[in-house]
PDB file of N, CA and C in Angstrom:
ATOM      1  N   MET A   1     103.503 112.624 109.532  1.00  0.00           N
ATOM      2  CA  MET A   1     102.491 111.595 109.597  1.00  0.00           C
ATOM      3  C   MET A   1     103.166 110.232 109.622  1.00  0.00           C
ATOM      4  N   THR A   2     102.670 109.373 110.461  1.00  0.00           N
ATOM      5  CA  THR A   2     103.140 108.000 110.516  1.00  0.00           C
ATOM      6  C   THR A   2     102.005 107.093 110.104  1.00  0.00           C
ATOM      7  N   ARG A   3     102.285 106.268 109.129  1.00  0.00           N
ATOM      8  CA  ARG A   3     101.269 105.311 108.676  1.00  0.00           C
ATOM      9  C   ARG A   3     101.254 104.131 109.633  1.00  0.00           C
ATOM     10  N   SER A   4     100.073 103.749 110.070  1.00  0.00           N
ATOM     11  CA  SER A   4      99.938 102.521 110.837  1.00  0.00           C
ATOM     12  C   SER A   4      98.979 101.608 110.083  1.00  0.00           C
ATOM     13  N   THR A   5      99.200 100.321 110.231  1.00  0.00           N
ATOM     14  CA  THR A   5      98.421  99.360 109.462  1.00  0.00           C
ATOM     15  C   THR A   5      97.718  98.369 110.377  1.00  0.00           C
ATOM     16  N   VAL A   6      96.747  97.694 109.803  1.00  0.00           N
ATOM     17  CA  VAL A   6      95.982  96.660 110.500  1.00  0.00           C
ATOM     18  C   VAL A   6      96.126  95.367 109.719  1.00  0.00           C
ATOM     19  N   THR A   7      96.419  94.303 110.420  1.00  0.00           N
ATOM     20  CA  THR A   7      96.405  92.965 109.847  1.00  0.00           C
ATOM     21  C   THR A   7      95.395  92.156 110.645  1.00  0.00           C
ATOM     22  N   ALA A   8      94.455  91.557 109.946  1.00  0.00           N
ATOM     23  CA  ALA A   8      93.388  90.796 110.608  1.00  0.00           C
ATOM     24  C   ALA A   8      93.609  89.308 110.416  1.00  0.00           C
ATOM     25  N   ALA A   9      93.857  88.603 111.495  1.00  0.00           N
ATOM     26  CA  ALA A   9      94.072  87.155 111.433  1.00  0.00           C
ATOM     27  C   ALA A   9      92.841  86.425 110.901  1.00  0.00           C
ATOM     28  N   ALA A  10      91.648  87.007 111.117  1.00  0.00           N
ATOM     29  CA  ALA A  10      90.406  86.351 110.700  1.00  0.00           C
ATOM     30  C   ALA A  10      90.021  86.657 109.255  1.00  0.00           C
ATOM     31  N   ALA A  11      90.817  87.468 108.564  1.00  0.00           N
ATOM     32  CA  ALA A  11      90.559  87.784 107.159  1.00  0.00           C
ATOM     33  C   ALA A  11      91.575  87.035 106.296  1.00  0.00           C
ATOM     34  N   PRO A  12      91.267  86.856 105.011  1.00  0.00           N
ATOM     35  CA  PRO A  12      92.235  86.187 104.134  1.00  0.00           C
ATOM     36  C   PRO A  12      93.540  86.973 104.082  1.00  0.00           C
ATOM     37  N   ALA A  13      94.638  86.275 103.972  1.00  0.00           N
ATOM     38  CA  ALA A  13      95.938  86.934 103.848  1.00  0.00           C
ATOM     39  C   ALA A  13      95.967  87.771 102.576  1.00  0.00           C
ATOM     40  N   ALA A  14      96.664  88.879 102.625  1.00  0.00           N
ATOM     41  CA  ALA A  14      96.816  89.726 101.448  1.00  0.00           C
ATOM     42  C   ALA A  14      97.482  88.927 100.334  1.00  0.00           C
ATOM     43  N   ILE A  15      97.026  89.119  99.098  1.00  0.00           N
ATOM     44  CA  ILE A  15      97.603  88.391  97.972  1.00  0.00           C
ATOM     45  C   ILE A  15      98.582  89.272  97.193  1.00  0.00           C
ATOM     46  N   GLY A  16      99.046  90.320  97.841  1.00  0.00           N
ATOM     47  CA  GLY A  16     100.005  91.229  97.218  1.00  0.00           C
ATOM     48  C   GLY A  16     100.644  92.102  98.266  1.00  0.00           C
ATOM     49  N   PRO A  17     101.433  93.086  97.833  1.00  0.00           N
ATOM     50  CA  PRO A  17     102.128  93.970  98.776  1.00  0.00           C
ATOM     51  C   PRO A  17     101.226  95.094  99.293  1.00  0.00           C
ATOM     52  N   TYR A  18     100.273  94.737 100.125  1.00  0.00           N
ATOM     53  CA  TYR A  18      99.380  95.715 100.729  1.00  0.00           C
ATOM     54  C   TYR A  18      98.947  95.232 102.110  1.00  0.00           C
ATOM     55  N   SER A  19      98.419  96.161 102.893  1.00  0.00           N
ATOM     56  CA  SER A  19      97.904  95.851 104.228  1.00  0.00           C
ATOM     57  C   SER A  19      96.393  95.710 104.166  1.00  0.00           C
ATOM     58  N   HIS A  20      95.819  95.017 105.133  1.00  0.00           N
ATOM     59  CA  HIS A  20      94.362  94.921 105.203  1.00  0.00           C
ATOM     60  C   HIS A  20      93.742  96.306 105.335  1.00  0.00           C
ATOM     61  N   ALA A  21      94.386  97.162 106.134  1.00  0.00           N
ATOM     62  CA  ALA A  21      93.893  98.523 106.327  1.00  0.00           C
ATOM     63  C   ALA A  21      95.051  99.396 106.772  1.00  0.00           C
ATOM     64  N   ALA A  22      94.888 100.701 106.545  1.00  0.00           N
ATOM     65  CA  ALA A  22      95.930 101.645 106.953  1.00  0.00           C
ATOM     66  C   ALA A  22      95.300 102.975 107.323  1.00  0.00           C
ATOM     67  N   THR A  23      95.989 103.683 108.204  1.00  0.00           N
ATOM     68  CA  THR A  23      95.559 105.022 108.599  1.00  0.00           C
ATOM     69  C   THR A  23      96.796 105.880 108.825  1.00  0.00           C
ATOM     70  N   GLY A  24      96.588 107.152 108.720  1.00  0.00           N
ATOM     71  CA  GLY A  24      97.640 108.109 109.036  1.00  0.00           C
ATOM     72  C   GLY A  24      97.213 108.983 110.190  1.00  0.00           C
ATOM     73  N   GLY A  25      96.280 108.496 110.986  1.00  0.00           N
ATOM     74  CA  GLY A  25      95.777 109.245 112.121  1.00  0.00           C
ATOM     75  C   GLY A  25      94.360 109.754 111.919  1.00  0.00           C
ATOM     76  N   GLY A  26      93.827 109.613 110.718  1.00  0.00           N
ATOM     77  CA  GLY A  26      92.454 110.021 110.422  1.00  0.00           C
ATOM     78  C   GLY A  26      91.609 108.798 110.155  1.00  0.00           C
ATOM     79  N   PRO A  27      90.855 108.823 109.063  1.00  0.00           N
ATOM     80  CA  PRO A  27      90.021 107.664 108.722  1.00  0.00           C
ATOM     81  C   PRO A  27      90.858 106.412 108.495  1.00  0.00           C
ATOM     82  N   LEU A  28      90.225 105.270 108.663  1.00  0.00           N
ATOM     83  CA  LEU A  28      90.849 103.985 108.384  1.00  0.00           C
ATOM     84  C   LEU A  28      90.443 103.564 106.976  1.00  0.00           C
ATOM     85  N   PHE A  29      91.430 103.320 106.125  1.00  0.00           N
ATOM     86  CA  PHE A  29      91.183 102.910 104.747  1.00  0.00           C
ATOM     87  C   PHE A  29      91.365 101.406 104.651  1.00  0.00           C
ATOM     88  N   LEU A  30      90.280 100.706 104.298  1.00  0.00           N
ATOM     89  CA  LEU A  30      90.313  99.252 104.190  1.00  0.00           C
ATOM     90  C   LEU A  30      90.561  98.858 102.745  1.00  0.00           C
ATOM     91  N   SER A  31      91.562  98.011 102.534  1.00  0.00           N
ATOM     92  CA  SER A  31      91.833  97.499 101.197  1.00  0.00           C
ATOM     93  C   SER A  31      90.644  96.687 100.712  1.00  0.00           C
ATOM     94  N   GLY A  32      90.507  96.636  99.401  1.00  0.00           N
ATOM     95  CA  GLY A  32      89.434  95.848  98.824  1.00  0.00           C
ATOM     96  C   GLY A  32      89.536  94.393  99.221  1.00  0.00           C
ATOM     97  N   GLN A  33      88.406  93.819  99.559  1.00  0.00           N
ATOM     98  CA  GLN A  33      88.323  92.402  99.891  1.00  0.00           C
ATOM     99  C   GLN A  33      87.558  91.691  98.781  1.00  0.00           C
ATOM    100  N   THR A  34      88.041  90.530  98.447  1.00  0.00           N
ATOM    101  CA  THR A  34      87.349  89.669  97.501  1.00  0.00           C
ATOM    102  C   THR A  34      86.769  88.484  98.284  1.00  0.00           C
ATOM    103  N   PRO A  35      85.963  87.658  97.641  1.00  0.00           N
ATOM    104  CA  PRO A  35      85.299  86.563  98.363  1.00  0.00           C
ATOM    105  C   PRO A  35      86.196  85.349  98.599  1.00  0.00           C
ATOM    106  N   ILE A  36      87.313  85.586  99.251  1.00  0.00           N
ATOM    107  CA  ILE A  36      88.222  84.500  99.589  1.00  0.00           C
ATOM    108  C   ILE A  36      87.867  83.997 100.986  1.00  0.00           C
ATOM    109  N   ASP A  37      87.740  82.692 101.104  1.00  0.00           N
ATOM    110  CA  ASP A  37      87.500  82.060 102.402  1.00  0.00           C
ATOM    111  C   ASP A  37      88.822  82.070 103.164  1.00  0.00           C
ATOM    112  N   PRO A  38      88.884  82.740 104.328  1.00  0.00           N
ATOM    113  CA  PRO A  38      90.144  82.799 105.052  1.00  0.00           C
ATOM    114  C   PRO A  38      90.650  81.429 105.529  1.00  0.00           C
ATOM    115  N   ALA A  39      89.753  80.469 105.684  1.00  0.00           N
ATOM    116  CA  ALA A  39      90.154  79.139 106.152  1.00  0.00           C
ATOM    117  C   ALA A  39      90.874  78.340 105.066  1.00  0.00           C
ATOM    118  N   THR A  40      90.489  78.578 103.795  1.00  0.00           N
ATOM    119  CA  THR A  40      91.064  77.788 102.703  1.00  0.00           C
ATOM    120  C   THR A  40      91.986  78.598 101.798  1.00  0.00           C
ATOM    121  N   GLY A  41      91.827  79.929 101.822  1.00  0.00           N
ATOM    122  CA  GLY A  41      92.594  80.768 100.910  1.00  0.00           C
ATOM    123  C   GLY A  41      92.085  80.711  99.485  1.00  0.00           C
ATOM    124  N   ARG A  42      90.889  80.166  99.312  1.00  0.00           N
ATOM    125  CA  ARG A  42      90.316  80.021  97.971  1.00  0.00           C
ATOM    126  C   ARG A  42      89.038  80.837  97.840  1.00  0.00           C
ATOM    127  N   LEU A  43      88.726  81.187  96.608  1.00  0.00           N
ATOM    128  CA  LEU A  43      87.485  81.877  96.297  1.00  0.00           C
ATOM    129  C   LEU A  43      86.312  80.985  96.680  1.00  0.00           C
ATOM    130  N   VAL A  44      85.284  81.549  97.322  1.00  0.00           N
ATOM    131  CA  VAL A  44      84.111  80.754  97.678  1.00  0.00           C
ATOM    132  C   VAL A  44      83.323  80.394  96.427  1.00  0.00           C
ATOM    133  N   ASP A  45      82.695  79.247  96.468  1.00  0.00           N
ATOM    134  CA  ASP A  45      81.810  78.834  95.385  1.00  0.00           C
ATOM    135  C   ASP A  45      80.473  79.522  95.584  1.00  0.00           C
ATOM    136  N   GLY A  46      79.825  79.881  94.507  1.00  0.00           N
ATOM    137  CA  GLY A  46      78.489  80.442  94.619  1.00  0.00           C
ATOM    138  C   GLY A  46      78.315  81.674  93.770  1.00  0.00           C
ATOM    139  N   ASP A  47      77.089  82.153  93.792  1.00  0.00           N
ATOM    140  CA  ASP A  47      76.728  83.318  92.993  1.00  0.00           C
ATOM    141  C   ASP A  47      77.198  84.602  93.670  1.00  0.00           C
ATOM    142  N   VAL A  48      76.819  85.730  93.099  1.00  0.00           N
ATOM    143  CA  VAL A  48      77.289  87.012  93.634  1.00  0.00           C
ATOM    144  C   VAL A  48      76.726  87.292  95.028  1.00  0.00           C
ATOM    145  N   THR A  49      75.588  86.731  95.366  1.00  0.00           N
ATOM    146  CA  THR A  49      75.048  86.892  96.720  1.00  0.00           C
ATOM    147  C   THR A  49      75.977  86.233  97.732  1.00  0.00           C
ATOM    148  N   VAL A  50      76.360  85.004  97.479  1.00  0.00           N
ATOM    149  CA  VAL A  50      77.283  84.276  98.354  1.00  0.00           C
ATOM    150  C   VAL A  50      78.619  85.011  98.411  1.00  0.00           C
ATOM    151  N   GLN A  51      79.099  85.452  97.258  1.00  0.00           N
ATOM    152  CA  GLN A  51      80.383  86.144  97.218  1.00  0.00           C
ATOM    153  C   GLN A  51      80.330  87.474  97.962  1.00  0.00           C
ATOM    154  N   THR A  52      79.241  88.219  97.825  1.00  0.00           N
ATOM    155  CA  THR A  52      79.116  89.501  98.527  1.00  0.00           C
ATOM    156  C   THR A  52      79.102  89.288 100.034  1.00  0.00           C
ATOM    157  N   ARG A  53      78.378  88.281 100.490  1.00  0.00           N
ATOM    158  CA  ARG A  53      78.351  87.997 101.936  1.00  0.00           C
ATOM    159  C   ARG A  53      79.747  87.668 102.459  1.00  0.00           C
ATOM    160  N   ARG A  54      80.528  86.903 101.695  1.00  0.00           N
ATOM    161  CA  ARG A  54      81.891  86.562 102.117  1.00  0.00           C
ATOM    162  C   ARG A  54      82.774  87.811 102.149  1.00  0.00           C
ATOM    163  N   VAL A  55      82.645  88.655 101.145  1.00  0.00           N
ATOM    164  CA  VAL A  55      83.410  89.903 101.101  1.00  0.00           C
ATOM    165  C   VAL A  55      83.100  90.751 102.332  1.00  0.00           C
ATOM    166  N   LEU A  56      81.829  90.888 102.656  1.00  0.00           N
ATOM    167  CA  LEU A  56      81.438  91.706 103.809  1.00  0.00           C
ATOM    168  C   LEU A  56      81.918  91.078 105.118  1.00  0.00           C
ATOM    169  N   ASP A  57      81.901  89.762 105.207  1.00  0.00           N
ATOM    170  CA  ASP A  57      82.465  89.092 106.386  1.00  0.00           C
ATOM    171  C   ASP A  57      83.959  89.394 106.511  1.00  0.00           C
ATOM    172  N   ASN A  58      84.661  89.387 105.378  1.00  0.00           N
ATOM    173  CA  ASN A  58      86.093  89.687 105.389  1.00  0.00           C
ATOM    174  C   ASN A  58      86.350  91.130 105.812  1.00  0.00           C
ATOM    175  N   LEU A  59      85.555  92.058 105.297  1.00  0.00           N
ATOM    176  CA  LEU A  59      85.698  93.456 105.706  1.00  0.00           C
ATOM    177  C   LEU A  59      85.419  93.618 107.197  1.00  0.00           C
ATOM    178  N   GLU A  60      84.411  92.925 107.674  1.00  0.00           N
ATOM    179  CA  GLU A  60      84.063  93.007 109.090  1.00  0.00           C
ATOM    180  C   GLU A  60      85.197  92.468 109.967  1.00  0.00           C
ATOM    181  N   ALA A  61      85.880  91.423 109.508  1.00  0.00           N
ATOM    182  CA  ALA A  61      87.020  90.877 110.251  1.00  0.00           C
ATOM    183  C   ALA A  61      88.142  91.914 110.360  1.00  0.00           C
ATOM    184  N   VAL A  62      88.386  92.646 109.291  1.00  0.00           N
ATOM    185  CA  VAL A  62      89.410  93.690 109.319  1.00  0.00           C
ATOM    186  C   VAL A  62      88.981  94.810 110.269  1.00  0.00           C
ATOM    187  N   LEU A  63      87.726  95.193 110.196  1.00  0.00           N
ATOM    188  CA  LEU A  63      87.224  96.236 111.100  1.00  0.00           C
ATOM    189  C   LEU A  63      87.341  95.811 112.562  1.00  0.00           C
ATOM    190  N   ARG A  64      86.976  94.575 112.868  1.00  0.00           N
ATOM    191  CA  ARG A  64      87.095  94.076 114.246  1.00  0.00           C
ATOM    192  C   ARG A  64      88.547  94.129 114.724  1.00  0.00           C
ATOM    193  N   ALA A  65      89.478  93.767 113.845  1.00  0.00           N
ATOM    194  CA  ALA A  65      90.901  93.802 114.211  1.00  0.00           C
ATOM    195  C   ALA A  65      91.362  95.226 114.510  1.00  0.00           C
ATOM    196  N   ALA A  66      90.671  96.199 113.932  1.00  0.00           N
ATOM    197  CA  ALA A  66      91.005  97.612 114.156  1.00  0.00           C
ATOM    198  C   ALA A  66      90.190  98.216 115.294  1.00  0.00           C
ATOM    199  N   GLY A  67      89.300  97.423 115.888  1.00  0.00           N
ATOM    200  CA  GLY A  67      88.468  97.918 116.976  1.00  0.00           C
ATOM    201  C   GLY A  67      87.168  98.538 116.526  1.00  0.00           C
ATOM    202  N   GLY A  68      86.728  98.208 115.315  1.00  0.00           N
ATOM    203  CA  GLY A  68      85.498  98.799 114.790  1.00  0.00           C
ATOM    204  C   GLY A  68      84.488  97.761 114.338  1.00  0.00           C
ATOM    205  N   THR A  69      83.432  98.261 113.713  1.00  0.00           N
ATOM    206  CA  THR A  69      82.378  97.417 113.162  1.00  0.00           C
ATOM    207  C   THR A  69      81.923  98.027 111.836  1.00  0.00           C
ATOM    208  N   LEU A  70      81.029  97.345 111.157  1.00  0.00           N
ATOM    209  CA  LEU A  70      80.472  97.891 109.916  1.00  0.00           C
ATOM    210  C   LEU A  70      79.748  99.218 110.161  1.00  0.00           C
ATOM    211  N   ALA A  71      79.274  99.453 111.381  1.00  0.00           N
ATOM    212  CA  ALA A  71      78.601 100.714 111.701  1.00  0.00           C
ATOM    213  C   ALA A  71      79.548 101.901 111.630  1.00  0.00           C
ATOM    214  N   ASP A  72      80.850 101.657 111.645  1.00  0.00           N
ATOM    215  CA  ASP A  72      81.842 102.729 111.562  1.00  0.00           C
ATOM    216  C   ASP A  72      82.186 103.112 110.125  1.00  0.00           C
ATOM    217  N   VAL A  73      81.685 102.358 109.164  1.00  0.00           N
ATOM    218  CA  VAL A  73      82.003 102.609 107.750  1.00  0.00           C
ATOM    219  C   VAL A  73      81.250 103.844 107.264  1.00  0.00           C
ATOM    220  N   VAL A  74      82.002 104.758 106.615  1.00  0.00           N
ATOM    221  CA  VAL A  74      81.399 105.985 106.095  1.00  0.00           C
ATOM    222  C   VAL A  74      81.369 106.036 104.570  1.00  0.00           C
ATOM    223  N   LYS A  75      82.201 105.228 103.906  1.00  0.00           N
ATOM    224  CA  LYS A  75      82.250 105.215 102.433  1.00  0.00           C
ATOM    225  C   LYS A  75      82.600 103.823 101.957  1.00  0.00           C
ATOM    226  N   VAL A  76      81.933 103.387 100.910  1.00  0.00           N
ATOM    227  CA  VAL A  76      82.146 102.059 100.338  1.00  0.00           C
ATOM    228  C   VAL A  76      82.278 102.202  98.824  1.00  0.00           C
ATOM    229  N   ASN A  77      83.217 101.460  98.258  1.00  0.00           N
ATOM    230  CA  ASN A  77      83.331 101.323  96.806  1.00  0.00           C
ATOM    231  C   ASN A  77      83.134  99.853  96.471  1.00  0.00           C
ATOM    232  N   VAL A  78      82.191  99.592  95.580  1.00  0.00           N
ATOM    233  CA  VAL A  78      81.872  98.228  95.159  1.00  0.00           C
ATOM    234  C   VAL A  78      82.277  98.082  93.695  1.00  0.00           C
ATOM    235  N   TYR A  79      82.977  96.988  93.411  1.00  0.00           N
ATOM    236  CA  TYR A  79      83.397  96.676  92.051  1.00  0.00           C
ATOM    237  C   TYR A  79      82.750  95.369  91.642  1.00  0.00           C
ATOM    238  N   LEU A  80      82.006  95.396  90.543  1.00  0.00           N
ATOM    239  CA  LEU A  80      81.329  94.211  90.014  1.00  0.00           C
ATOM    240  C   LEU A  80      81.855  93.903  88.621  1.00  0.00           C
ATOM    241  N   THR A  81      81.983  92.628  88.295  1.00  0.00           N
ATOM    242  CA  THR A  81      82.392  92.288  86.938  1.00  0.00           C
ATOM    243  C   THR A  81      81.216  92.331  85.970  1.00  0.00           C
ATOM    244  N   SER A  82      80.006  92.413  86.492  1.00  0.00           N
ATOM    245  CA  SER A  82      78.816  92.549  85.651  1.00  0.00           C
ATOM    246  C   SER A  82      77.750  93.338  86.404  1.00  0.00           C
ATOM    247  N   MET A  83      77.230  94.366  85.786  1.00  0.00           N
ATOM    248  CA  MET A  83      76.154  95.128  86.417  1.00  0.00           C
ATOM    249  C   MET A  83      74.857  94.320  86.474  1.00  0.00           C
ATOM    250  N   ASP A  84      74.818  93.172  85.782  1.00  0.00           N
ATOM    251  CA  ASP A  84      73.671  92.265  85.915  1.00  0.00           C
ATOM    252  C   ASP A  84      73.588  91.723  87.341  1.00  0.00           C
ATOM    253  N   ASP A  85      74.696  91.781  88.087  1.00  0.00           N
ATOM    254  CA  ASP A  85      74.738  91.300  89.470  1.00  0.00           C
ATOM    255  C   ASP A  85      74.367  92.378  90.484  1.00  0.00           C
ATOM    256  N   PHE A  86      74.045  93.587  90.020  1.00  0.00           N
ATOM    257  CA  PHE A  86      73.815  94.701  90.932  1.00  0.00           C
ATOM    258  C   PHE A  86      72.704  94.418  91.950  1.00  0.00           C
ATOM    259  N   ALA A  87      71.549  93.951  91.499  1.00  0.00           N
ATOM    260  CA  ALA A  87      70.419  93.747  92.412  1.00  0.00           C
ATOM    261  C   ALA A  87      70.746  92.699  93.478  1.00  0.00           C
ATOM    262  N   ALA A  88      71.372  91.606  93.090  1.00  0.00           N
ATOM    263  CA  ALA A  88      71.724  90.558  94.056  1.00  0.00           C
ATOM    264  C   ALA A  88      72.775  91.057  95.041  1.00  0.00           C
ATOM    265  N   MET A  89      73.785  91.785  94.542  1.00  0.00           N
ATOM    266  CA  MET A  89      74.796  92.353  95.436  1.00  0.00           C
ATOM    267  C   MET A  89      74.134  93.321  96.398  1.00  0.00           C
ATOM    268  N   ASN A  90      73.258  94.164  95.877  1.00  0.00           N
ATOM    269  CA  ASN A  90      72.598  95.184  96.685  1.00  0.00           C
ATOM    270  C   ASN A  90      71.766  94.552  97.803  1.00  0.00           C
ATOM    271  N   ALA A  91      71.104  93.453  97.519  1.00  0.00           N
ATOM    272  CA  ALA A  91      70.295  92.770  98.539  1.00  0.00           C
ATOM    273  C   ALA A  91      71.188  92.211  99.643  1.00  0.00           C
ATOM    274  N   ALA A  92      72.309  91.593  99.280  1.00  0.00           N
ATOM    275  CA  ALA A  92      73.232  91.067 100.294  1.00  0.00           C
ATOM    276  C   ALA A  92      73.871  92.212 101.084  1.00  0.00           C
ATOM    277  N   TYR A  93      74.193  93.287 100.410  1.00  0.00           N
ATOM    278  CA  TYR A  93      74.778  94.469 101.043  1.00  0.00           C
ATOM    279  C   TYR A  93      73.805  95.040 102.083  1.00  0.00           C
ATOM    280  N   ALA A  94      72.517  95.081 101.729  1.00  0.00           N
ATOM    281  CA  ALA A  94      71.492  95.634 102.626  1.00  0.00           C
ATOM    282  C   ALA A  94      71.309  94.779 103.885  1.00  0.00           C
ATOM    283  N   GLU A  95      71.743  93.518 103.857  1.00  0.00           N
ATOM    284  CA  GLU A  95      71.697  92.676 105.054  1.00  0.00           C
ATOM    285  C   GLU A  95      72.776  93.081 106.059  1.00  0.00           C
ATOM    286  N   ALA A  96      73.861  93.680 105.562  1.00  0.00           N
ATOM    287  CA  ALA A  96      75.012  93.994 106.412  1.00  0.00           C
ATOM    288  C   ALA A  96      74.998  95.421 106.949  1.00  0.00           C
ATOM    289  N   PHE A  97      74.489  96.354 106.167  1.00  0.00           N
ATOM    290  CA  PHE A  97      74.493  97.765 106.565  1.00  0.00           C
ATOM    291  C   PHE A  97      73.088  98.221 106.914  1.00  0.00           C
ATOM    292  N   THR A  98      72.988  99.061 107.927  1.00  0.00           N
ATOM    293  CA  THR A  98      71.700  99.609 108.335  1.00  0.00           C
ATOM    294  C   THR A  98      71.748 101.132 108.232  1.00  0.00           C
ATOM    295  N   GLU A  99      70.589 101.741 108.291  1.00  0.00           N
ATOM    296  CA  GLU A  99      70.519 103.206 108.230  1.00  0.00           C
ATOM    297  C   GLU A  99      71.124 103.817 109.478  1.00  0.00           C
ATOM    298  N   PRO A 100      71.780 104.925 109.362  1.00  0.00           N
ATOM    299  CA  PRO A 100      72.073 105.654 108.129  1.00  0.00           C
ATOM    300  C   PRO A 100      73.175 104.938 107.347  1.00  0.00           C
ATOM    301  N   PHE A 101      72.922 104.721 106.060  1.00  0.00           N
ATOM    302  CA  PHE A 101      73.851 103.978 105.222  1.00  0.00           C
ATOM    303  C   PHE A 101      75.089 104.802 104.906  1.00  0.00           C
ATOM    304  N   PRO A 102      76.231 104.122 104.726  1.00  0.00           N
ATOM    305  CA  PRO A 102      77.421 104.848 104.282  1.00  0.00           C
ATOM    306  C   PRO A 102      77.247 105.316 102.833  1.00  0.00           C
ATOM    307  N   ALA A 103      78.027 106.299 102.448  1.00  0.00           N
ATOM    308  CA  ALA A 103      78.064 106.699 101.041  1.00  0.00           C
ATOM    309  C   ALA A 103      78.609 105.515 100.247  1.00  0.00           C
ATOM    310  N   ARG A 104      78.228 105.425  98.958  1.00  0.00           N
ATOM    311  CA  ARG A 104      78.663 104.260  98.178  1.00  0.00           C
ATOM    312  C   ARG A 104      78.765 104.601  96.706  1.00  0.00           C
ATOM    313  N   THR A 105      79.738 103.993  96.067  1.00  0.00           N
ATOM    314  CA  THR A 105      79.888 104.012  94.619  1.00  0.00           C
ATOM    315  C   THR A 105      79.951 102.567  94.157  1.00  0.00           C
ATOM    316  N   THR A 106      79.256 102.253  93.060  1.00  0.00           N
ATOM    317  CA  THR A 106      79.315 100.918  92.484  1.00  0.00           C
ATOM    318  C   THR A 106      79.675 101.058  91.012  1.00  0.00           C
ATOM    319  N   VAL A 107      80.713 100.347  90.594  1.00  0.00           N
ATOM    320  CA  VAL A 107      81.146 100.413  89.200  1.00  0.00           C
ATOM    321  C   VAL A 107      81.372  99.010  88.657  1.00  0.00           C
ATOM    322  N   ALA A 108      81.273  98.896  87.340  1.00  0.00           N
ATOM    323  CA  ALA A 108      81.591  97.643  86.661  1.00  0.00           C
ATOM    324  C   ALA A 108      83.044  97.701  86.224  1.00  0.00           C
ATOM    325  N   VAL A 109      83.730  96.571  86.371  1.00  0.00           N
ATOM    326  CA  VAL A 109      85.135  96.471  85.990  1.00  0.00           C
ATOM    327  C   VAL A 109      85.320  95.280  85.051  1.00  0.00           C
ATOM    328  N   ALA A 110      86.421  95.293  84.323  1.00  0.00           N
ATOM    329  CA  ALA A 110      86.675  94.227  83.349  1.00  0.00           C
ATOM    330  C   ALA A 110      87.004  92.896  84.004  1.00  0.00           C
ATOM    331  N   GLY A 111      87.606  92.932  85.177  1.00  0.00           N
ATOM    332  CA  GLY A 111      87.959  91.698  85.856  1.00  0.00           C
ATOM    333  C   GLY A 111      88.437  91.983  87.260  1.00  0.00           C
ATOM    334  N   LEU A 112      88.429  90.958  88.104  1.00  0.00           N
ATOM    335  CA  LEU A 112      88.887  91.058  89.489  1.00  0.00           C
ATOM    336  C   LEU A 112      89.826  89.889  89.782  1.00  0.00           C
ATOM    337  N   PRO A 113      90.670  90.017  90.818  1.00  0.00           N
ATOM    338  CA  PRO A 113      91.613  88.954  91.142  1.00  0.00           C
ATOM    339  C   PRO A 113      90.925  87.603  91.358  1.00  0.00           C
ATOM    340  N   LEU A 114      91.563  86.564  90.870  1.00  0.00           N
ATOM    341  CA  LEU A 114      91.143  85.173  91.046  1.00  0.00           C
ATOM    342  C   LEU A 114      89.775  84.860  90.433  1.00  0.00           C
ATOM    343  N   GLY A 115      89.266  85.742  89.582  1.00  0.00           N
ATOM    344  CA  GLY A 115      87.971  85.512  88.956  1.00  0.00           C
ATOM    345  C   GLY A 115      86.776  85.861  89.824  1.00  0.00           C
ATOM    346  N   ALA A 116      87.004  86.661  90.870  1.00  0.00           N
ATOM    347  CA  ALA A 116      85.901  87.090  91.742  1.00  0.00           C
ATOM    348  C   ALA A 116      84.884  87.896  90.941  1.00  0.00           C
ATOM    349  N   ARG A 117      83.645  87.866  91.388  1.00  0.00           N
ATOM    350  CA  ARG A 117      82.583  88.650  90.751  1.00  0.00           C
ATOM    351  C   ARG A 117      82.374  89.987  91.439  1.00  0.00           C
ATOM    352  N   VAL A 118      82.900  90.118  92.688  1.00  0.00           N
ATOM    353  CA  VAL A 118      82.703  91.337  93.455  1.00  0.00           C
ATOM    354  C   VAL A 118      83.928  91.597  94.338  1.00  0.00           C
ATOM    355  N   GLU A 119      84.253  92.863  94.491  1.00  0.00           N
ATOM    356  CA  GLU A 119      85.274  93.313  95.441  1.00  0.00           C
ATOM    357  C   GLU A 119      84.732  94.572  96.084  1.00  0.00           C
ATOM    358  N   ILE A 120      84.981  94.720  97.377  1.00  0.00           N
ATOM    359  CA  ILE A 120      84.491  95.901  98.113  1.00  0.00           C
ATOM    360  C   ILE A 120      85.612  96.443  98.959  1.00  0.00           C
ATOM    361  N   GLU A 121      85.782  97.770  98.897  1.00  0.00           N
ATOM    362  CA  GLU A 121      86.710  98.485  99.767  1.00  0.00           C
ATOM    363  C   GLU A 121      85.914  99.501 100.570  1.00  0.00           C
ATOM    364  N   ALA A 122      86.480  99.959 101.680  1.00  0.00           N
ATOM    365  CA  ALA A 122      85.716 100.860 102.545  1.00  0.00           C
ATOM    366  C   ALA A 122      86.643 101.830 103.272  1.00  0.00           C
ATOM    367  N   VAL A 123      86.019 102.890 103.756  1.00  0.00           N
ATOM    368  CA  VAL A 123      86.666 103.857 104.631  1.00  0.00           C
ATOM    369  C   VAL A 123      85.833 103.918 105.901  1.00  0.00           C
ATOM    370  N   ALA A 124      86.509 103.833 107.041  1.00  0.00           N
ATOM    371  CA  ALA A 124      85.795 103.840 108.323  1.00  0.00           C
ATOM    372  C   ALA A 124      86.326 104.950 109.220  1.00  0.00           C
ATOM    373  N   ALA A 125      85.443 105.446 110.059  1.00  0.00           N
ATOM    374  CA  ALA A 125      85.793 106.444 111.079  1.00  0.00           C
ATOM    375  C   ALA A 125      85.618 105.758 112.428  1.00  0.00           C
ATOM    376  N   ILE A 126      86.649 105.086 112.879  1.00  0.00           N
ATOM    377  CA  ILE A 126      86.567 104.327 114.136  1.00  0.00           C
ATOM    378  C   ILE A 126      86.797 105.268 115.308  1.00  0.00           C
ATOM    379  N   GLY A 127      85.871 105.196 116.259  1.00  0.00           N
ATOM    380  CA  GLY A 127      85.971 106.045 117.441  1.00  0.00           C
ATOM    381  C   GLY A 127      85.482 107.456 117.205  1.00  0.00           C
ATOM    382  N   ALA A 128      84.884 107.689 116.046  1.00  0.00           N
ATOM    383  CA  ALA A 128      84.399 109.041 115.747  1.00  0.00           C
ATOM    384  C   ALA A 128      83.019 109.256 116.323  1.00  0.00           C
TER     385      ALA A 128
END
């Protein structure tokens, strides 16, 4: 197996030793995106709705760089720093994904990089 990676110019630069996405010839695994504005490299200001929209825009940029779209996503993991933000995140998420929805897990975590309130990672089946 040869690992191939995706780097998306339209997404924020990785803040560590990881790729935006990677595959070994099967599904495309997208690294978690936080609400970083790719133009400034800074966390966006705003509530979890604003942050979720930015995260999904960042994921979409990575998918586009790989030749896909959000419609190719089959699994999503959402990380929230507070489950009190679940309803607002869910509403913003529902603006981006349409039926049939991908499988999803949502969990609360103690903290996220740079003080983000939400991080989302995904698995996509591009060309499937």
